[in-house]
Amino acid sequence: MYQDNIVLCGSSCYTKKFYLNDDFRGLPEEVQQELKILCVLFTEDVGGTIELYFNEVGDLCIATNSDEGDLLYDEIGSVLKVKQMQIDKKELFESLEKYFKVFFLGEDSDATDVENEKNEED
């Protein structure tokens, strides 16, 4: 079991760079490209940085931040954009969580499916 957060990917408007954790190079190329587009467009739109990471139980989380004194960073826009991203990319994010739980946490894929179905009913 992982004790710390595991970064999946991130982007920064300050360095104009995208980062994908080497541990996730096994993801399909289309998924890697979708993550890149998602992150880069976010930072181009609202500024700052974005980081997608898995917490210790395998949930995909999104963190945004900005440099101190960055007057161009749209804090309200970042919150709204993250919420919209979670809605629009729900299926992708659920698939990434399943991938992480199976391949990194060693959970049974059938058990992960049952857990996801239970969460959808709630």
C-alpha atoms as a PDB file:
ATOM      1  CA  MET A   1       0.000   0.000   0.000  1.00  0.00           C
ATOM      2  CA  TYR A   2       1.270   3.451  -0.881  1.00  0.00           C
ATOM      3  CA  GLN A   3       1.693   5.905   1.976  1.00  0.00           C
ATOM      4  CA  ASP A   4       1.991   9.081  -0.065  1.00  0.00           C
ATOM      5  CA  ASN A   5       0.298  10.640  -3.031  1.00  0.00           C
ATOM      6  CA  ILE A   6       1.475   9.441  -6.438  1.00  0.00           C
ATOM      7  CA  VAL A   7       1.553  12.124  -9.125  1.00  0.00           C
ATOM      8  CA  LEU A   8       0.021  11.080 -12.433  1.00  0.00           C
ATOM      9  CA  CYS A   9       0.700  14.243 -14.400  1.00  0.00           C
ATOM     10  CA  GLY A  10       0.818  18.009 -14.225  1.00  0.00           C
ATOM     11  CA  SER A  11       1.344  21.212 -16.128  1.00  0.00           C
ATOM     12  CA  SER A  12       2.638  24.690 -15.402  1.00  0.00           C
ATOM     13  CA  CYS A  13       1.954  27.952 -17.177  1.00  0.00           C
ATOM     14  CA  TYR A  14       5.193  29.312 -15.680  1.00  0.00           C
ATOM     15  CA  THR A  15       7.553  26.768 -17.221  1.00  0.00           C
ATOM     16  CA  LYS A  16       5.266  25.945 -20.162  1.00  0.00           C
ATOM     17  CA  LYS A  17       5.868  22.258 -19.484  1.00  0.00           C
ATOM     18  CA  PHE A  18       3.778  19.124 -19.088  1.00  0.00           C
ATOM     19  CA  TYR A  19       4.909  16.274 -16.843  1.00  0.00           C
ATOM     20  CA  LEU A  20       3.777  12.645 -16.997  1.00  0.00           C
ATOM     21  CA  ASN A  21       5.119  10.330 -14.310  1.00  0.00           C
ATOM     22  CA  ASP A  22       7.279   7.642 -15.963  1.00  0.00           C
ATOM     23  CA  ASP A  23       5.388   4.990 -13.971  1.00  0.00           C
ATOM     24  CA  PHE A  24       2.371   5.726 -16.184  1.00  0.00           C
ATOM     25  CA  ARG A  25       4.086   5.420 -19.578  1.00  0.00           C
ATOM     26  CA  GLY A  26       2.198   2.119 -19.913  1.00  0.00           C
ATOM     27  CA  LEU A  27      -1.065   3.989 -20.399  1.00  0.00           C
ATOM     28  CA  PRO A  28      -2.374   4.009 -23.966  1.00  0.00           C
ATOM     29  CA  GLU A  29      -0.974   6.842 -26.078  1.00  0.00           C
ATOM     30  CA  GLU A  30      -4.474   8.293 -26.546  1.00  0.00           C
ATOM     31  CA  VAL A  31      -4.927   8.560 -22.770  1.00  0.00           C
ATOM     32  CA  GLN A  32      -1.513  10.181 -22.362  1.00  0.00           C
ATOM     33  CA  GLN A  33      -2.384  12.722 -25.060  1.00  0.00           C
ATOM     34  CA  GLU A  34      -5.791  13.416 -23.509  1.00  0.00           C
ATOM     35  CA  LEU A  35      -4.155  14.079 -20.137  1.00  0.00           C
ATOM     36  CA  LYS A  36      -1.625  16.385 -21.767  1.00  0.00           C
ATOM     37  CA  ILE A  37      -4.302  18.368 -23.568  1.00  0.00           C
ATOM     38  CA  LEU A  38      -6.425  18.545 -20.425  1.00  0.00           C
ATOM     39  CA  CYS A  39      -3.600  19.881 -18.252  1.00  0.00           C
ATOM     40  CA  VAL A  40      -2.066  22.274 -20.769  1.00  0.00           C
ATOM     41  CA  LEU A  41      -5.412  23.796 -21.716  1.00  0.00           C
ATOM     42  CA  PHE A  42      -6.211  24.262 -18.039  1.00  0.00           C
ATOM     43  CA  THR A  43      -3.010  26.190 -17.330  1.00  0.00           C
ATOM     44  CA  GLU A  44      -3.329  28.232 -20.509  1.00  0.00           C
ATOM     45  CA  ASP A  45      -6.890  29.121 -19.575  1.00  0.00           C
ATOM     46  CA  VAL A  46      -6.625  30.000 -15.869  1.00  0.00           C
ATOM     47  CA  GLY A  47      -2.868  30.101 -15.274  1.00  0.00           C
ATOM     48  CA  GLY A  48      -0.916  28.578 -12.418  1.00  0.00           C
ATOM     49  CA  THR A  49      -0.256  24.872 -12.177  1.00  0.00           C
ATOM     50  CA  ILE A  50      -2.375  21.744 -12.154  1.00  0.00           C
ATOM     51  CA  GLU A  51      -1.495  18.328 -10.787  1.00  0.00           C
ATOM     52  CA  LEU A  52      -3.453  15.101 -11.060  1.00  0.00           C
ATOM     53  CA  TYR A  53      -2.464  12.589  -8.407  1.00  0.00           C
ATOM     54  CA  PHE A  54      -3.660   9.440  -6.701  1.00  0.00           C
ATOM     55  CA  ASN A  55      -4.098   9.471  -2.933  1.00  0.00           C
ATOM     56  CA  GLU A  56      -3.190   6.513  -0.719  1.00  0.00           C
ATOM     57  CA  VAL A  57      -6.497   4.711  -1.410  1.00  0.00           C
ATOM     58  CA  GLY A  58      -6.332   5.225  -5.174  1.00  0.00           C
ATOM     59  CA  ASP A  59      -8.710   8.141  -5.660  1.00  0.00           C
ATOM     60  CA  LEU A  60      -7.737  10.542  -8.437  1.00  0.00           C
ATOM     61  CA  CYS A  61      -7.397  14.066  -7.069  1.00  0.00           C
ATOM     62  CA  ILE A  62      -6.788  17.404  -8.761  1.00  0.00           C
ATOM     63  CA  ALA A  63      -4.728  20.183  -7.204  1.00  0.00           C
ATOM     64  CA  THR A  64      -4.208  23.666  -8.597  1.00  0.00           C
ATOM     65  CA  ASN A  65      -1.875  26.351  -7.399  1.00  0.00           C
ATOM     66  CA  SER A  66      -0.273  29.627  -8.361  1.00  0.00           C
ATOM     67  CA  ASP A  67       2.873  31.509  -7.555  1.00  0.00           C
ATOM     68  CA  GLU A  68       2.539  34.112  -4.849  1.00  0.00           C
ATOM     69  CA  GLY A  69       1.743  37.447  -6.410  1.00  0.00           C
ATOM     70  CA  ASP A  70       0.494  35.998  -9.696  1.00  0.00           C
ATOM     71  CA  LEU A  71      -2.197  38.535 -10.504  1.00  0.00           C
ATOM     72  CA  LEU A  72      -3.201  36.761 -13.711  1.00  0.00           C
ATOM     73  CA  TYR A  73      -4.216  33.510 -11.967  1.00  0.00           C
ATOM     74  CA  ASP A  74      -7.993  33.046 -12.019  1.00  0.00           C
ATOM     75  CA  GLU A  75      -8.726  31.359  -8.688  1.00  0.00           C
ATOM     76  CA  ILE A  76     -12.499  31.260  -9.136  1.00  0.00           C
ATOM     77  CA  GLY A  77     -12.121  30.110 -12.727  1.00  0.00           C
ATOM     78  CA  SER A  78      -9.801  27.308 -11.622  1.00  0.00           C
ATOM     79  CA  VAL A  79     -12.373  25.912  -9.190  1.00  0.00           C
ATOM     80  CA  LEU A  80     -15.112  26.060 -11.813  1.00  0.00           C
ATOM     81  CA  LYS A  81     -12.889  24.514 -14.471  1.00  0.00           C
ATOM     82  CA  VAL A  82     -11.883  21.627 -12.157  1.00  0.00           C
ATOM     83  CA  LYS A  83     -15.547  20.893 -11.398  1.00  0.00           C
ATOM     84  CA  GLN A  84     -16.383  20.953 -15.106  1.00  0.00           C
ATOM     85  CA  MET A  85     -13.392  18.720 -15.839  1.00  0.00           C
ATOM     86  CA  GLN A  86     -14.599  16.206 -13.231  1.00  0.00           C
ATOM     87  CA  ILE A  87     -17.993  16.078 -14.945  1.00  0.00           C
ATOM     88  CA  ASP A  88     -16.743  15.994 -18.541  1.00  0.00           C
ATOM     89  CA  LYS A  89     -13.954  13.490 -17.902  1.00  0.00           C
ATOM     90  CA  LYS A  90     -15.721  11.313 -15.320  1.00  0.00           C
ATOM     91  CA  GLU A  91     -15.335   8.136 -17.366  1.00  0.00           C
ATOM     92  CA  LEU A  92     -11.631   8.780 -18.014  1.00  0.00           C
ATOM     93  CA  PHE A  93     -10.971   9.533 -14.350  1.00  0.00           C
ATOM     94  CA  GLU A  94     -12.830   6.405 -13.199  1.00  0.00           C
ATOM     95  CA  SER A  95     -10.818   4.301 -15.655  1.00  0.00           C
ATOM     96  CA  LEU A  96      -7.564   5.825 -14.394  1.00  0.00           C
ATOM     97  CA  GLU A  97      -8.562   5.079 -10.792  1.00  0.00           C
ATOM     98  CA  LYS A  98      -9.291   1.473 -11.715  1.00  0.00           C
ATOM     99  CA  TYR A  99      -5.964   1.201 -13.553  1.00  0.00           C
ATOM    100  CA  PHE A 100      -4.118   2.560 -10.529  1.00  0.00           C
ATOM    101  CA  LYS A 101      -5.949   0.327  -8.040  1.00  0.00           C
ATOM    102  CA  VAL A 102      -5.316  -2.813 -10.094  1.00  0.00           C
ATOM    103  CA  PHE A 103      -1.753  -2.225 -11.297  1.00  0.00           C
ATOM    104  CA  PHE A 104      -0.304  -0.188  -8.429  1.00  0.00           C
ATOM    105  CA  LEU A 105      -2.308  -1.191  -5.363  1.00  0.00           C
ATOM    106  CA  GLY A 106      -2.801  -4.794  -6.471  1.00  0.00           C
ATOM    107  CA  GLU A 107      -6.565  -4.789  -5.984  1.00  0.00           C
ATOM    108  CA  ASP A 108      -8.730  -7.344  -7.759  1.00  0.00           C
ATOM    109  CA  SER A 109     -10.325  -5.775 -10.841  1.00  0.00           C
ATOM    110  CA  ASP A 110     -13.664  -7.495 -10.113  1.00  0.00           C
ATOM    111  CA  ALA A 111     -13.717  -6.037  -6.597  1.00  0.00           C
ATOM    112  CA  THR A 112     -12.955  -2.596  -8.038  1.00  0.00           C
ATOM    113  CA  ASP A 113     -15.918  -2.953 -10.443  1.00  0.00           C
ATOM    114  CA  VAL A 114     -18.260  -3.869  -7.584  1.00  0.00           C
ATOM    115  CA  GLU A 115     -17.030  -0.880  -5.544  1.00  0.00           C
ATOM    116  CA  ASN A 116     -17.593   1.487  -8.484  1.00  0.00           C
ATOM    117  CA  GLU A 117     -21.131   0.154  -9.028  1.00  0.00           C
ATOM    118  CA  LYS A 118     -21.893   0.633  -5.327  1.00  0.00           C
ATOM    119  CA  ASN A 119     -20.642   4.249  -5.444  1.00  0.00           C
ATOM    120  CA  GLU A 120     -22.813   4.951  -8.493  1.00  0.00           C
ATOM    121  CA  GLU A 121     -25.915   3.734  -6.609  1.00  0.00           C
ATOM    122  CA  ASP A 122     -25.257   6.123  -3.673  1.00  0.00           C
END
